Amino acid sequence: LQENGYRIKVFNTINFKKSMHYNPFAYIRSEKDILKLVTTLIANTKGEGKGGDDFWVKAETLLYCALIGLVAYIVFEGPEEERNMNTLVEMINAMEVREDDENFKNNVDLAFEELEAREPEHFAVRQYKKYKLAAGKTAKSINISCGARLAPFDISELREITMYDELELDTLGDKIFIN
């Protein structure tokens, strides 16, 4: 195929060493793209059997939208290497909640306060405010649900292949090769 001008793209979910890198964050251009990514993430990580309580799925959706929106915002201003699933997992891991101290602020809370000061109507800020309506115990449960759903992204090989994007899925079909 290569001899005939085709570009070969390989995403191998069995043997990660034989796979090209794929970063879903590389395709985020708008709020709609964030929603697509979150919907896809939730639909493809629910596991076997019956789905969970709708409340928890909706709460997770809010938090993912907020965090992915923040990651996208940071990257549009900052380094591209932070725009990936690893950053999302690290943010979930950093979201300490103290049930006995409703005023406690973790680093993610502080990052959202910074963003809100600059852009109070930013999509990520609006989603995070909805998530923050949850009380301590509920917020902690939402964080645990998110952490459990994202657990596969803590596998070192998966972290590595999602660090950046080589697949360029948005360019498939753009080039025509004629010999």
N, C-alpha and C. Protein backbone atom coordinates (compact mmCIF):
# COMPACT_ATOMS: atom_id res chain seq x y z
N LEU A 1 0.83 -1.21 0.00
CA LEU A 1 0.00 0.00 0.00
C LEU A 1 0.87 1.27 0.00
N GLN A 2 1.95 1.24 0.81
CA GLN A 2 2.82 2.42 0.85
C GLN A 2 3.46 2.66 -0.51
N GLU A 3 3.85 1.59 -1.21
CA GLU A 3 4.45 1.73 -2.54
C GLU A 3 3.48 2.37 -3.52
N ASN A 4 2.19 2.23 -3.24
CA ASN A 4 1.17 2.81 -4.11
C ASN A 4 0.69 4.17 -3.61
N GLY A 5 1.42 4.77 -2.66
CA GLY A 5 1.12 6.12 -2.23
C GLY A 5 0.18 6.26 -1.04
N TYR A 6 -0.17 5.15 -0.41
CA TYR A 6 -1.06 5.22 0.75
C TYR A 6 -0.26 5.50 2.02
N ARG A 7 -0.84 6.32 2.89
CA ARG A 7 -0.26 6.51 4.23
C ARG A 7 -0.89 5.47 5.14
N ILE A 8 -0.08 4.81 5.92
CA ILE A 8 -0.56 3.75 6.80
C ILE A 8 -0.64 4.30 8.23
N LYS A 9 -1.81 4.12 8.86
CA LYS A 9 -2.03 4.54 10.25
C LYS A 9 -2.41 3.30 11.04
N VAL A 10 -1.77 3.08 12.20
CA VAL A 10 -2.02 1.89 12.99
C VAL A 10 -2.32 2.30 14.44
N PHE A 11 -3.48 1.87 14.92
CA PHE A 11 -3.81 2.03 16.34
C PHE A 11 -4.08 0.64 16.87
N ASN A 12 -3.11 0.10 17.60
CA ASN A 12 -3.16 -1.28 18.08
C ASN A 12 -3.48 -1.27 19.56
N THR A 13 -4.68 -1.74 19.92
CA THR A 13 -5.09 -1.75 21.33
C THR A 13 -4.70 -3.04 22.04
N ILE A 14 -4.12 -3.98 21.31
CA ILE A 14 -3.65 -5.23 21.91
C ILE A 14 -2.18 -5.10 22.27
N ASN A 15 -1.37 -4.67 21.33
CA ASN A 15 0.06 -4.49 21.57
C ASN A 15 0.39 -3.01 21.36
N PHE A 16 0.40 -2.25 22.46
CA PHE A 16 0.61 -0.81 22.38
C PHE A 16 1.95 -0.44 21.74
N LYS A 17 2.94 -1.31 21.85
CA LYS A 17 4.26 -1.02 21.26
C LYS A 17 4.19 -0.95 19.73
N LYS A 18 3.17 -1.59 19.14
CA LYS A 18 3.01 -1.58 17.69
C LYS A 18 2.01 -0.51 17.23
N SER A 19 1.65 0.36 18.14
CA SER A 19 0.63 1.37 17.83
C SER A 19 1.24 2.75 17.64
N MET A 20 0.59 3.53 16.81
CA MET A 20 0.92 4.95 16.73
C MET A 20 0.25 5.64 17.91
N HIS A 21 0.64 6.84 18.19
CA HIS A 21 0.08 7.60 19.30
C HIS A 21 -1.26 8.23 18.89
N TYR A 22 -2.20 8.18 19.82
CA TYR A 22 -3.51 8.79 19.60
C TYR A 22 -3.89 9.62 20.81
N ASN A 23 -4.12 10.90 20.59
CA ASN A 23 -4.53 11.81 21.66
C ASN A 23 -5.86 12.44 21.26
N PRO A 24 -6.95 12.02 21.92
CA PRO A 24 -8.26 12.58 21.56
C PRO A 24 -8.35 14.09 21.78
N PHE A 25 -7.51 14.64 22.65
CA PHE A 25 -7.53 16.08 22.90
C PHE A 25 -7.03 16.88 21.70
N ALA A 26 -6.30 16.23 20.80
CA ALA A 26 -5.78 16.91 19.61
C ALA A 26 -6.90 17.35 18.67
N TYR A 27 -8.11 16.81 18.88
CA TYR A 27 -9.23 17.09 17.98
C TYR A 27 -10.26 18.03 18.60
N ILE A 28 -9.94 18.60 19.74
CA ILE A 28 -10.87 19.53 20.39
C ILE A 28 -10.66 20.92 19.83
N ARG A 29 -11.72 21.43 19.21
CA ARG A 29 -11.67 22.78 18.64
C ARG A 29 -12.78 23.67 19.22
N SER A 30 -13.78 23.03 19.85
CA SER A 30 -14.94 23.79 20.33
C SER A 30 -15.57 23.09 21.53
N GLU A 31 -16.54 23.75 22.13
CA GLU A 31 -17.31 23.16 23.24
C GLU A 31 -18.02 21.89 22.79
N LYS A 32 -18.51 21.90 21.57
CA LYS A 32 -19.20 20.74 21.01
C LYS A 32 -18.25 19.54 20.96
N ASP A 33 -16.99 19.77 20.64
CA ASP A 33 -16.00 18.69 20.59
C ASP A 33 -15.74 18.12 21.99
N ILE A 34 -15.78 18.98 23.00
CA ILE A 34 -15.62 18.52 24.39
C ILE A 34 -16.77 17.59 24.74
N LEU A 35 -17.98 17.99 24.39
CA LEU A 35 -19.15 17.15 24.68
C LEU A 35 -19.07 15.81 23.95
N LYS A 36 -18.59 15.82 22.70
CA LYS A 36 -18.44 14.57 21.95
C LYS A 36 -17.44 13.65 22.63
N LEU A 37 -16.32 14.21 23.08
CA LEU A 37 -15.30 13.41 23.74
C LEU A 37 -15.84 12.82 25.04
N VAL A 38 -16.52 13.63 25.84
CA VAL A 38 -17.07 13.14 27.11
C VAL A 38 -18.12 12.06 26.86
N THR A 39 -19.01 12.27 25.91
CA THR A 39 -20.04 11.27 25.59
C THR A 39 -19.40 9.96 25.15
N THR A 40 -18.37 10.05 24.32
CA THR A 40 -17.67 8.86 23.85
C THR A 40 -16.95 8.16 25.00
N LEU A 41 -16.30 8.93 25.85
CA LEU A 41 -15.59 8.37 27.00
C LEU A 41 -16.55 7.59 27.90
N ILE A 42 -17.66 8.20 28.23
CA ILE A 42 -18.63 7.54 29.13
C ILE A 42 -19.26 6.33 28.46
N ALA A 43 -19.65 6.45 27.20
CA ALA A 43 -20.28 5.33 26.50
C ALA A 43 -19.36 4.13 26.37
N ASN A 44 -18.06 4.38 26.26
CA ASN A 44 -17.12 3.28 26.02
C ASN A 44 -16.37 2.81 27.26
N THR A 45 -16.75 3.30 28.43
CA THR A 45 -16.08 2.86 29.66
C THR A 45 -17.07 2.44 30.72
N LYS A 46 -18.29 2.12 30.33
CA LYS A 46 -19.28 1.76 31.34
C LYS A 46 -19.19 0.31 31.78
N GLY A 47 -18.41 -0.50 31.10
CA GLY A 47 -18.22 -1.88 31.51
C GLY A 47 -19.40 -2.76 31.13
N GLU A 48 -19.37 -3.96 31.68
CA GLU A 48 -20.39 -4.97 31.38
C GLU A 48 -21.64 -4.72 32.21
N GLY A 49 -22.75 -5.23 31.71
CA GLY A 49 -23.98 -5.22 32.50
C GLY A 49 -24.72 -3.91 32.47
N LYS A 50 -25.57 -3.77 33.48
CA LYS A 50 -26.46 -2.61 33.59
C LYS A 50 -25.67 -1.33 33.90
N GLY A 51 -26.10 -0.22 33.34
CA GLY A 51 -25.46 1.06 33.59
C GLY A 51 -25.72 1.54 35.01
N GLY A 52 -24.94 2.50 35.46
CA GLY A 52 -25.09 3.02 36.81
C GLY A 52 -26.24 4.00 36.92
N ASP A 53 -26.41 4.51 38.12
CA ASP A 53 -27.44 5.51 38.41
C ASP A 53 -27.22 6.73 37.52
N ASP A 54 -28.26 7.21 36.91
CA ASP A 54 -28.19 8.34 35.99
C ASP A 54 -27.59 9.59 36.65
N PHE A 55 -27.87 9.79 37.94
CA PHE A 55 -27.32 10.96 38.65
C PHE A 55 -25.80 10.97 38.57
N TRP A 56 -25.17 9.82 38.84
CA TRP A 56 -23.71 9.76 38.88
C TRP A 56 -23.11 9.97 37.49
N VAL A 57 -23.75 9.41 36.48
CA VAL A 57 -23.26 9.60 35.11
C VAL A 57 -23.35 11.07 34.72
N LYS A 58 -24.46 11.72 35.07
CA LYS A 58 -24.60 13.15 34.76
C LYS A 58 -23.59 13.99 35.54
N ALA A 59 -23.36 13.62 36.80
CA ALA A 59 -22.39 14.36 37.61
C ALA A 59 -20.98 14.19 37.04
N GLU A 60 -20.64 12.97 36.64
CA GLU A 60 -19.34 12.73 36.01
C GLU A 60 -19.22 13.54 34.72
N THR A 61 -20.29 13.57 33.94
CA THR A 61 -20.29 14.31 32.67
C THR A 61 -19.96 15.78 32.92
N LEU A 62 -20.59 16.37 33.92
CA LEU A 62 -20.30 17.78 34.27
C LEU A 62 -18.83 17.98 34.58
N LEU A 63 -18.30 17.09 35.43
CA LEU A 63 -16.91 17.24 35.84
C LEU A 63 -15.96 17.03 34.67
N TYR A 64 -16.20 16.01 33.84
CA TYR A 64 -15.34 15.81 32.67
C TYR A 64 -15.40 17.01 31.73
N CYS A 65 -16.59 17.53 31.48
CA CYS A 65 -16.72 18.70 30.60
C CYS A 65 -15.91 19.87 31.15
N ALA A 66 -16.01 20.08 32.45
CA ALA A 66 -15.28 21.17 33.08
C ALA A 66 -13.78 20.96 32.98
N LEU A 67 -13.32 19.77 33.35
CA LEU A 67 -11.88 19.52 33.36
C LEU A 67 -11.29 19.49 31.96
N ILE A 68 -11.98 18.87 31.02
CA ILE A 68 -11.48 18.84 29.64
C ILE A 68 -11.49 20.26 29.07
N GLY A 69 -12.52 21.03 29.40
CA GLY A 69 -12.56 22.44 28.98
C GLY A 69 -11.38 23.22 29.54
N LEU A 70 -11.03 22.96 30.81
CA LEU A 70 -9.89 23.64 31.42
C LEU A 70 -8.59 23.20 30.76
N VAL A 71 -8.46 21.89 30.51
CA VAL A 71 -7.25 21.38 29.84
C VAL A 71 -7.12 22.04 28.46
N ALA A 72 -8.21 22.10 27.72
CA ALA A 72 -8.18 22.72 26.39
C ALA A 72 -7.78 24.19 26.50
N TYR A 73 -8.34 24.90 27.48
CA TYR A 73 -8.03 26.31 27.66
C TYR A 73 -6.55 26.50 28.00
N ILE A 74 -6.06 25.69 28.92
CA ILE A 74 -4.65 25.77 29.31
C ILE A 74 -3.75 25.56 28.10
N VAL A 75 -4.10 24.58 27.30
CA VAL A 75 -3.26 24.25 26.16
C VAL A 75 -3.30 25.32 25.09
N PHE A 76 -4.47 25.91 24.86
CA PHE A 76 -4.52 26.95 23.84
C PHE A 76 -3.61 28.10 24.24
N GLU A 77 -3.36 28.25 25.54
CA GLU A 77 -2.46 29.29 26.03
C GLU A 77 -1.08 28.75 26.37
N GLY A 78 -0.98 27.49 26.69
CA GLY A 78 0.26 26.93 27.22
C GLY A 78 0.81 25.79 26.39
N PRO A 79 1.63 24.95 27.05
CA PRO A 79 2.33 23.88 26.33
C PRO A 79 1.42 22.75 25.86
N GLU A 80 1.63 22.32 24.63
CA GLU A 80 0.81 21.28 24.02
C GLU A 80 0.94 19.95 24.74
N GLU A 81 2.09 19.68 25.36
CA GLU A 81 2.29 18.39 26.03
C GLU A 81 1.38 18.17 27.23
N GLU A 82 0.68 19.22 27.66
CA GLU A 82 -0.27 19.08 28.77
C GLU A 82 -1.69 18.79 28.30
N ARG A 83 -1.89 18.78 27.01
CA ARG A 83 -3.24 18.57 26.45
C ARG A 83 -3.43 17.11 26.09
N ASN A 84 -3.70 16.29 27.14
CA ASN A 84 -3.88 14.86 26.90
C ASN A 84 -4.61 14.21 28.08
N MET A 85 -4.87 12.92 27.95
CA MET A 85 -5.58 12.18 28.98
C MET A 85 -4.81 12.16 30.29
N ASN A 86 -3.48 12.18 30.21
CA ASN A 86 -2.67 12.16 31.43
C ASN A 86 -2.99 13.36 32.31
N THR A 87 -3.14 14.53 31.72
CA THR A 87 -3.47 15.73 32.48
C THR A 87 -4.84 15.59 33.10
N LEU A 88 -5.80 15.03 32.38
CA LEU A 88 -7.14 14.82 32.92
C LEU A 88 -7.08 13.89 34.14
N VAL A 89 -6.34 12.79 34.02
CA VAL A 89 -6.20 11.85 35.14
C VAL A 89 -5.54 12.53 36.33
N GLU A 90 -4.49 13.30 36.07
CA GLU A 90 -3.79 14.00 37.15
C GLU A 90 -4.71 15.01 37.85
N MET A 91 -5.57 15.67 37.08
CA MET A 91 -6.51 16.62 37.68
C MET A 91 -7.49 15.90 38.60
N ILE A 92 -8.02 14.77 38.15
CA ILE A 92 -8.93 13.99 38.99
C ILE A 92 -8.20 13.57 40.27
N ASN A 93 -6.96 13.12 40.13
CA ASN A 93 -6.18 12.69 41.29
C ASN A 93 -5.93 13.84 42.26
N ALA A 94 -5.85 15.06 41.76
CA ALA A 94 -5.55 16.22 42.60
C ALA A 94 -6.79 16.83 43.26
N MET A 95 -7.95 16.29 42.98
CA MET A 95 -9.19 16.91 43.46
C MET A 95 -9.57 16.42 44.86
N GLU A 96 -8.74 16.77 45.80
CA GLU A 96 -9.03 16.43 47.20
C GLU A 96 -10.28 17.15 47.67
N VAL A 97 -11.12 16.42 48.37
CA VAL A 97 -12.34 16.97 48.96
C VAL A 97 -12.28 16.70 50.46
N ARG A 98 -12.57 17.70 51.25
CA ARG A 98 -12.61 17.54 52.71
C ARG A 98 -14.06 17.71 53.16
N GLU A 99 -14.63 16.60 53.59
CA GLU A 99 -16.04 16.61 53.99
C GLU A 99 -16.31 17.55 55.15
N ASP A 100 -15.32 17.72 56.04
CA ASP A 100 -15.50 18.56 57.22
C ASP A 100 -15.15 20.02 56.98
N ASP A 101 -14.69 20.35 55.76
CA ASP A 101 -14.30 21.73 55.46
C ASP A 101 -14.78 22.10 54.06
N GLU A 102 -16.01 22.60 53.97
CA GLU A 102 -16.61 22.95 52.67
C GLU A 102 -15.86 24.09 51.97
N ASN A 103 -15.04 24.85 52.70
CA ASN A 103 -14.32 25.98 52.12
C ASN A 103 -12.93 25.60 51.61
N PHE A 104 -12.52 24.34 51.82
CA PHE A 104 -11.20 23.89 51.36
C PHE A 104 -11.12 23.98 49.84
N LYS A 105 -9.98 24.44 49.33
CA LYS A 105 -9.78 24.56 47.88
C LYS A 105 -8.53 23.78 47.49
N ASN A 106 -8.73 22.85 46.56
CA ASN A 106 -7.58 22.11 46.02
C ASN A 106 -7.02 22.89 44.83
N ASN A 107 -5.95 22.38 44.24
CA ASN A 107 -5.30 23.09 43.13
C ASN A 107 -6.21 23.24 41.91
N VAL A 108 -7.10 22.28 41.70
CA VAL A 108 -8.02 22.37 40.57
C VAL A 108 -9.04 23.50 40.82
N ASP A 109 -9.53 23.60 42.05
CA ASP A 109 -10.43 24.71 42.40
C ASP A 109 -9.75 26.04 42.13
N LEU A 110 -8.49 26.14 42.51
CA LEU A 110 -7.74 27.40 42.32
C LEU A 110 -7.54 27.71 40.84
N ALA A 111 -7.30 26.66 40.04
CA ALA A 111 -7.15 26.88 38.59
C ALA A 111 -8.45 27.40 37.99
N PHE A 112 -9.59 26.87 38.45
CA PHE A 112 -10.88 27.35 37.94
C PHE A 112 -11.16 28.78 38.41
N GLU A 113 -10.74 29.13 39.62
CA GLU A 113 -10.91 30.50 40.09
C GLU A 113 -10.12 31.47 39.21
N GLU A 114 -8.90 31.05 38.84
CA GLU A 114 -8.07 31.88 37.95
C GLU A 114 -8.73 32.08 36.60
N LEU A 115 -9.23 30.97 36.03
CA LEU A 115 -9.91 31.05 34.74
C LEU A 115 -11.16 31.91 34.84
N GLU A 116 -11.92 31.75 35.92
CA GLU A 116 -13.14 32.54 36.10
C GLU A 116 -12.84 34.03 36.20
N ALA A 117 -11.72 34.38 36.83
CA ALA A 117 -11.35 35.79 36.95
C ALA A 117 -11.09 36.40 35.57
N ARG A 118 -10.54 35.61 34.65
CA ARG A 118 -10.26 36.10 33.30
C ARG A 118 -11.46 35.97 32.37
N GLU A 119 -12.18 34.84 32.47
CA GLU A 119 -13.31 34.56 31.58
C GLU A 119 -14.45 33.94 32.36
N PRO A 120 -15.25 34.77 33.03
CA PRO A 120 -16.31 34.25 33.90
C PRO A 120 -17.36 33.39 33.18
N GLU A 121 -17.54 33.57 31.90
CA GLU A 121 -18.55 32.81 31.16
C GLU A 121 -17.96 31.65 30.36
N HIS A 122 -16.71 31.33 30.63
CA HIS A 122 -16.06 30.23 29.90
C HIS A 122 -16.84 28.92 30.14
N PHE A 123 -16.96 28.10 29.12
CA PHE A 123 -17.69 26.84 29.19
C PHE A 123 -17.22 25.98 30.37
N ALA A 124 -15.91 25.85 30.54
CA ALA A 124 -15.37 25.02 31.63
C ALA A 124 -15.77 25.57 32.99
N VAL A 125 -15.75 26.86 33.16
CA VAL A 125 -16.14 27.50 34.43
C VAL A 125 -17.60 27.20 34.72
N ARG A 126 -18.45 27.34 33.72
CA ARG A 126 -19.88 27.10 33.93
C ARG A 126 -20.15 25.65 34.33
N GLN A 127 -19.43 24.71 33.72
CA GLN A 127 -19.63 23.29 34.05
C GLN A 127 -19.09 22.99 35.45
N TYR A 128 -17.96 23.57 35.79
CA TYR A 128 -17.36 23.31 37.10
C TYR A 128 -18.24 23.86 38.23
N LYS A 129 -18.84 25.00 38.00
CA LYS A 129 -19.74 25.56 39.01
C LYS A 129 -20.90 24.62 39.30
N LYS A 130 -21.40 23.96 38.26
CA LYS A 130 -22.49 23.00 38.45
C LYS A 130 -21.99 21.80 39.26
N TYR A 131 -20.80 21.32 38.95
CA TYR A 131 -20.22 20.23 39.71
C TYR A 131 -20.03 20.63 41.17
N LYS A 132 -19.60 21.86 41.41
CA LYS A 132 -19.31 22.33 42.78
C LYS A 132 -20.57 22.50 43.63
N LEU A 133 -21.74 22.34 43.05
CA LEU A 133 -22.98 22.36 43.84
C LEU A 133 -23.07 21.12 44.74
N ALA A 134 -22.30 20.10 44.42
CA ALA A 134 -22.30 18.87 45.23
C ALA A 134 -21.61 19.12 46.56
N ALA A 135 -22.21 18.60 47.62
CA ALA A 135 -21.61 18.71 48.95
C ALA A 135 -20.41 17.77 49.05
N GLY A 136 -19.64 17.90 50.13
CA GLY A 136 -18.40 17.15 50.33
C GLY A 136 -18.47 15.67 50.01
N LYS A 137 -19.39 14.94 50.65
CA LYS A 137 -19.48 13.49 50.44
C LYS A 137 -19.87 13.16 49.00
N THR A 138 -20.80 13.91 48.45
CA THR A 138 -21.25 13.67 47.08
C THR A 138 -20.12 13.97 46.10
N ALA A 139 -19.43 15.10 46.31
CA ALA A 139 -18.30 15.45 45.44
C ALA A 139 -17.22 14.38 45.49
N LYS A 140 -16.96 13.88 46.68
CA LYS A 140 -15.96 12.82 46.84
C LYS A 140 -16.38 11.57 46.06
N SER A 141 -17.66 11.23 46.11
CA SER A 141 -18.16 10.07 45.37
C SER A 141 -18.06 10.28 43.86
N ILE A 142 -18.34 11.48 43.41
CA ILE A 142 -18.20 11.79 41.98
C ILE A 142 -16.75 11.63 41.56
N ASN A 143 -15.83 12.14 42.38
CA ASN A 143 -14.40 12.03 42.06
C ASN A 143 -13.96 10.57 42.00
N ILE A 144 -14.46 9.77 42.94
CA ILE A 144 -14.12 8.34 42.96
C ILE A 144 -14.66 7.67 41.70
N SER A 145 -15.88 8.00 41.30
CA SER A 145 -16.46 7.43 40.07
C SER A 145 -15.62 7.80 38.86
N CYS A 146 -15.22 9.05 38.79
CA CYS A 146 -14.38 9.50 37.67
C CYS A 146 -13.03 8.78 37.69
N GLY A 147 -12.44 8.67 38.87
CA GLY A 147 -11.15 7.98 38.99
C GLY A 147 -11.25 6.52 38.56
N ALA A 148 -12.34 5.86 38.93
CA ALA A 148 -12.54 4.46 38.55
C ALA A 148 -12.71 4.34 37.03
N ARG A 149 -13.47 5.25 36.45
CA ARG A 149 -13.70 5.21 35.00
C ARG A 149 -12.40 5.46 34.24
N LEU A 150 -11.55 6.31 34.76
CA LEU A 150 -10.30 6.67 34.08
C LEU A 150 -9.13 5.76 34.47
N ALA A 151 -9.36 4.79 35.35
CA ALA A 151 -8.28 3.91 35.82
C ALA A 151 -7.46 3.29 34.69
N PRO A 152 -8.07 2.85 33.59
CA PRO A 152 -7.24 2.28 32.51
C PRO A 152 -6.19 3.27 31.98
N PHE A 153 -6.47 4.56 32.08
CA PHE A 153 -5.52 5.55 31.58
C PHE A 153 -4.35 5.75 32.53
N ASP A 154 -4.35 5.04 33.66
CA ASP A 154 -3.20 5.05 34.56
C ASP A 154 -2.18 3.97 34.19
N ILE A 155 -2.53 3.09 33.25
CA ILE A 155 -1.59 2.07 32.77
C ILE A 155 -0.50 2.80 31.99
N SER A 156 0.75 2.56 32.34
CA SER A 156 1.86 3.33 31.75
C SER A 156 1.89 3.28 30.23
N GLU A 157 1.61 2.10 29.64
CA GLU A 157 1.63 1.99 28.18
C GLU A 157 0.52 2.83 27.54
N LEU A 158 -0.64 2.86 28.18
CA LEU A 158 -1.75 3.65 27.65
C LEU A 158 -1.48 5.14 27.84
N ARG A 159 -0.89 5.49 28.97
CA ARG A 159 -0.50 6.89 29.20
C ARG A 159 0.46 7.35 28.09
N GLU A 160 1.38 6.46 27.73
CA GLU A 160 2.39 6.82 26.74
C GLU A 160 1.78 7.02 25.35
N ILE A 161 0.89 6.11 24.91
CA ILE A 161 0.37 6.26 23.54
C ILE A 161 -0.67 7.38 23.42
N THR A 162 -1.17 7.91 24.55
CA THR A 162 -2.13 9.02 24.46
C THR A 162 -1.49 10.37 24.78
N MET A 163 -0.17 10.41 24.89
CA MET A 163 0.51 11.67 25.21
C MET A 163 0.46 12.69 24.07
N TYR A 164 0.49 12.20 22.84
CA TYR A 164 0.42 13.08 21.68
C TYR A 164 -0.23 12.31 20.54
N ASP A 165 -0.45 12.97 19.41
CA ASP A 165 -1.20 12.35 18.32
C ASP A 165 -0.36 12.24 17.07
N GLU A 166 -0.32 11.03 16.51
CA GLU A 166 0.32 10.79 15.21
C GLU A 166 -0.70 10.36 14.16
N LEU A 167 -1.88 9.96 14.59
CA LEU A 167 -2.86 9.40 13.66
C LEU A 167 -3.46 10.44 12.72
N GLU A 168 -3.56 11.67 13.19
CA GLU A 168 -4.12 12.75 12.36
C GLU A 168 -5.43 12.32 11.71
N LEU A 169 -6.34 11.83 12.54
CA LEU A 169 -7.62 11.33 12.03
C LEU A 169 -8.42 12.40 11.30
N ASP A 170 -8.21 13.64 11.66
CA ASP A 170 -8.94 14.73 11.00
C ASP A 170 -8.46 15.00 9.58
N THR A 171 -7.37 14.36 9.16
CA THR A 171 -6.87 14.56 7.80
C THR A 171 -7.12 13.35 6.89
N LEU A 172 -7.69 12.28 7.46
CA LEU A 172 -7.94 11.10 6.62
C LEU A 172 -8.85 11.46 5.45
N GLY A 173 -8.46 11.03 4.30
CA GLY A 173 -9.26 11.30 3.11
C GLY A 173 -8.98 12.65 2.45
N ASP A 174 -8.07 13.45 3.04
CA ASP A 174 -7.78 14.76 2.48
C ASP A 174 -6.87 14.71 1.27
N LYS A 175 -5.99 13.71 1.21
CA LYS A 175 -5.01 13.66 0.12
C LYS A 175 -5.38 12.56 -0.86
N ILE A 176 -5.17 12.86 -2.10
CA ILE A 176 -5.39 11.87 -3.17
C ILE A 176 -4.03 11.61 -3.82
N PHE A 177 -3.66 10.36 -3.86
CA PHE A 177 -2.38 9.99 -4.47
C PHE A 177 -2.66 9.32 -5.80
N ILE A 178 -1.98 9.81 -6.82
CA ILE A 178 -2.14 9.22 -8.14
C ILE A 178 -0.75 8.90 -8.68
N ASN A 179 -0.57 7.63 -9.06
CA ASN A 179 0.73 7.22 -9.64
C ASN A 179 0.69 7.29 -11.12
